[in-house]
Amino acid sequence: MKTTWTVWSLDVWGNPRDGFEVNDRSRCGVVELGKEPKDAEVIRALKAGGFLSDKARASNIEVGGDDLDITIDDKRSGRPLLSLELDPDAKWKAARW
């Protein structure tokens, strides 16, 4: 079963020493992922959709979150790069089953 996720680009303030804060976000597209996606699947889908560089690797990307929201951070600096949110219709469908 595939799930649809909204991809958000993030306007981030801050630095690695003091921490980062998301100032704003903009919807930039959607990706489809499996029901319980692994980190590599998330990275592949984001690269295929043009949301991450082809150079992005699991070794330099931190994938976190839960069943409803996924965060994509730069592993070295901790800077938030993208956010994924399960499509609201998909949340309803998942809750119904």
C-alpha atoms as a PDB file:
ATOM      1  CA  MET A   1       0.000   0.000   0.000  1.00  0.00           C
ATOM      2  CA  LYS A   2       1.342   3.424  -0.973  1.00  0.00           C
ATOM      3  CA  THR A   3       0.889   6.558   1.105  1.00  0.00           C
ATOM      4  CA  THR A   4       0.990  10.140  -0.166  1.00  0.00           C
ATOM      5  CA  TRP A   5       3.138  12.707   1.651  1.00  0.00           C
ATOM      6  CA  THR A   6       3.197  16.485   1.224  1.00  0.00           C
ATOM      7  CA  VAL A   7       6.770  17.814   0.948  1.00  0.00           C
ATOM      8  CA  TRP A   8       7.513  21.145   2.646  1.00  0.00           C
ATOM      9  CA  SER A   9      10.578  23.305   2.009  1.00  0.00           C
ATOM     10  CA  LEU A  10      11.727  25.088   5.157  1.00  0.00           C
ATOM     11  CA  ASP A  11      12.881  28.643   5.842  1.00  0.00           C
ATOM     12  CA  VAL A  12      15.338  28.017   8.688  1.00  0.00           C
ATOM     13  CA  TRP A  13      17.075  30.475  10.995  1.00  0.00           C
ATOM     14  CA  GLY A  14      20.009  29.723  13.294  1.00  0.00           C
ATOM     15  CA  ASN A  15      23.274  27.865  13.357  1.00  0.00           C
ATOM     16  CA  PRO A  16      24.691  24.563  14.645  1.00  0.00           C
ATOM     17  CA  ARG A  17      25.978  26.084  17.903  1.00  0.00           C
ATOM     18  CA  ASP A  18      22.817  27.908  18.971  1.00  0.00           C
ATOM     19  CA  GLY A  19      20.346  25.603  17.260  1.00  0.00           C
ATOM     20  CA  PHE A  20      17.894  26.019  14.427  1.00  0.00           C
ATOM     21  CA  GLU A  21      14.352  27.298  14.248  1.00  0.00           C
ATOM     22  CA  VAL A  22      11.922  26.844  11.376  1.00  0.00           C
ATOM     23  CA  ASN A  23      10.616  30.312  10.526  1.00  0.00           C
ATOM     24  CA  ASP A  24       8.252  29.316   7.729  1.00  0.00           C
ATOM     25  CA  ARG A  25       7.476  26.482   5.356  1.00  0.00           C
ATOM     26  CA  SER A  26       6.181  26.212   1.797  1.00  0.00           C
ATOM     27  CA  ARG A  27       4.478  23.302   0.119  1.00  0.00           C
ATOM     28  CA  CYS A  28       6.660  22.201  -2.750  1.00  0.00           C
ATOM     29  CA  GLY A  29       5.122  18.911  -3.881  1.00  0.00           C
ATOM     30  CA  VAL A  30       4.211  15.346  -2.970  1.00  0.00           C
ATOM     31  CA  VAL A  31       5.898  11.950  -2.865  1.00  0.00           C
ATOM     32  CA  GLU A  32       4.499   8.443  -2.554  1.00  0.00           C
ATOM     33  CA  LEU A  33       6.049   6.068  -0.032  1.00  0.00           C
ATOM     34  CA  GLY A  34       5.301   2.608   1.310  1.00  0.00           C
ATOM     35  CA  LYS A  35       3.179   2.231   4.429  1.00  0.00           C
ATOM     36  CA  GLU A  36       6.220   2.067   6.740  1.00  0.00           C
ATOM     37  CA  PRO A  37       9.026   3.633   4.690  1.00  0.00           C
ATOM     38  CA  LYS A  38      12.668   3.019   5.519  1.00  0.00           C
ATOM     39  CA  ASP A  39      15.140   5.921   5.451  1.00  0.00           C
ATOM     40  CA  ALA A  40      16.602   4.811   2.103  1.00  0.00           C
ATOM     41  CA  GLU A  41      13.130   4.766   0.491  1.00  0.00           C
ATOM     42  CA  VAL A  42      12.415   8.304   1.743  1.00  0.00           C
ATOM     43  CA  ILE A  43      15.743   9.595   0.418  1.00  0.00           C
ATOM     44  CA  ARG A  44      15.250   7.843  -2.953  1.00  0.00           C
ATOM     45  CA  ALA A  45      11.750   9.316  -3.375  1.00  0.00           C
ATOM     46  CA  LEU A  46      12.931  12.822  -2.485  1.00  0.00           C
ATOM     47  CA  LYS A  47      15.843  12.578  -4.929  1.00  0.00           C
ATOM     48  CA  ALA A  48      13.575  11.225  -7.689  1.00  0.00           C
ATOM     49  CA  GLY A  49      11.177  14.137  -7.132  1.00  0.00           C
ATOM     50  CA  GLY A  50      14.010  16.666  -7.289  1.00  0.00           C
ATOM     51  CA  PHE A  51      13.627  17.699  -3.628  1.00  0.00           C
ATOM     52  CA  LEU A  52      17.118  16.467  -2.669  1.00  0.00           C
ATOM     53  CA  SER A  53      20.355  16.593  -4.627  1.00  0.00           C
ATOM     54  CA  ASP A  54      21.550  13.424  -6.365  1.00  0.00           C
ATOM     55  CA  LYS A  55      24.574  13.678  -4.059  1.00  0.00           C
ATOM     56  CA  ALA A  56      22.420  13.201  -0.924  1.00  0.00           C
ATOM     57  CA  ARG A  57      23.248   9.976   0.906  1.00  0.00           C
ATOM     58  CA  ALA A  58      21.957   8.269   4.037  1.00  0.00           C
ATOM     59  CA  SER A  59      25.376   8.975   5.555  1.00  0.00           C
ATOM     60  CA  ASN A  60      24.762  12.750   5.464  1.00  0.00           C
ATOM     61  CA  ILE A  61      20.961  12.891   5.865  1.00  0.00           C
ATOM     62  CA  GLU A  62      19.074  12.268   9.113  1.00  0.00           C
ATOM     63  CA  VAL A  63      15.531  10.950   8.646  1.00  0.00           C
ATOM     64  CA  GLY A  64      13.289  11.184  11.705  1.00  0.00           C
ATOM     65  CA  GLY A  65       9.672  11.561  12.678  1.00  0.00           C
ATOM     66  CA  ASP A  66       6.723   9.256  13.113  1.00  0.00           C
ATOM     67  CA  ASP A  67       3.692   7.836  11.255  1.00  0.00           C
ATOM     68  CA  LEU A  68       2.335  11.307  10.416  1.00  0.00           C
ATOM     69  CA  ASP A  69       5.386  13.566   9.986  1.00  0.00           C
ATOM     70  CA  ILE A  70       8.893  12.909   8.672  1.00  0.00           C
ATOM     71  CA  THR A  71      11.813  15.277   9.189  1.00  0.00           C
ATOM     72  CA  ILE A  72      14.851  15.489   6.919  1.00  0.00           C
ATOM     73  CA  ASP A  73      17.916  17.081   8.531  1.00  0.00           C
ATOM     74  CA  ASP A  74      21.554  17.587   7.601  1.00  0.00           C
ATOM     75  CA  LYS A  75      23.276  14.993   9.776  1.00  0.00           C
ATOM     76  CA  ARG A  76      26.455  17.022  10.308  1.00  0.00           C
ATOM     77  CA  SER A  77      24.954  20.386  11.272  1.00  0.00           C
ATOM     78  CA  GLY A  78      21.487  19.327  12.416  1.00  0.00           C
ATOM     79  CA  ARG A  79      19.923  21.914  10.078  1.00  0.00           C
ATOM     80  CA  PRO A  80      16.360  21.001   9.050  1.00  0.00           C
ATOM     81  CA  LEU A  81      16.149  20.574   5.271  1.00  0.00           C
ATOM     82  CA  LEU A  82      12.639  19.331   4.507  1.00  0.00           C
ATOM     83  CA  SER A  83       9.512  18.167   6.242  1.00  0.00           C
ATOM     84  CA  LEU A  84       7.006  15.571   5.028  1.00  0.00           C
ATOM     85  CA  GLU A  85       3.437  15.365   6.250  1.00  0.00           C
ATOM     86  CA  LEU A  86       1.094  12.461   5.609  1.00  0.00           C
ATOM     87  CA  ASP A  87      -1.705  13.589   3.292  1.00  0.00           C
ATOM     88  CA  PRO A  88      -4.837  14.424   5.363  1.00  0.00           C
ATOM     89  CA  ASP A  89      -6.991  12.090   3.258  1.00  0.00           C
ATOM     90  CA  ALA A  90      -4.449   9.336   3.784  1.00  0.00           C
ATOM     91  CA  LYS A  91      -4.579   9.938   7.569  1.00  0.00           C
ATOM     92  CA  TRP A  92      -8.339   9.466   7.473  1.00  0.00           C
ATOM     93  CA  LYS A  93      -8.086   6.328   5.354  1.00  0.00           C
ATOM     94  CA  ALA A  94      -5.397   4.856   7.625  1.00  0.00           C
ATOM     95  CA  ALA A  95      -7.464   5.578  10.739  1.00  0.00           C
ATOM     96  CA  ARG A  96     -10.537   4.017   9.184  1.00  0.00           C
ATOM     97  CA  TRP A  97      -8.837   0.698   8.434  1.00  0.00           C
END
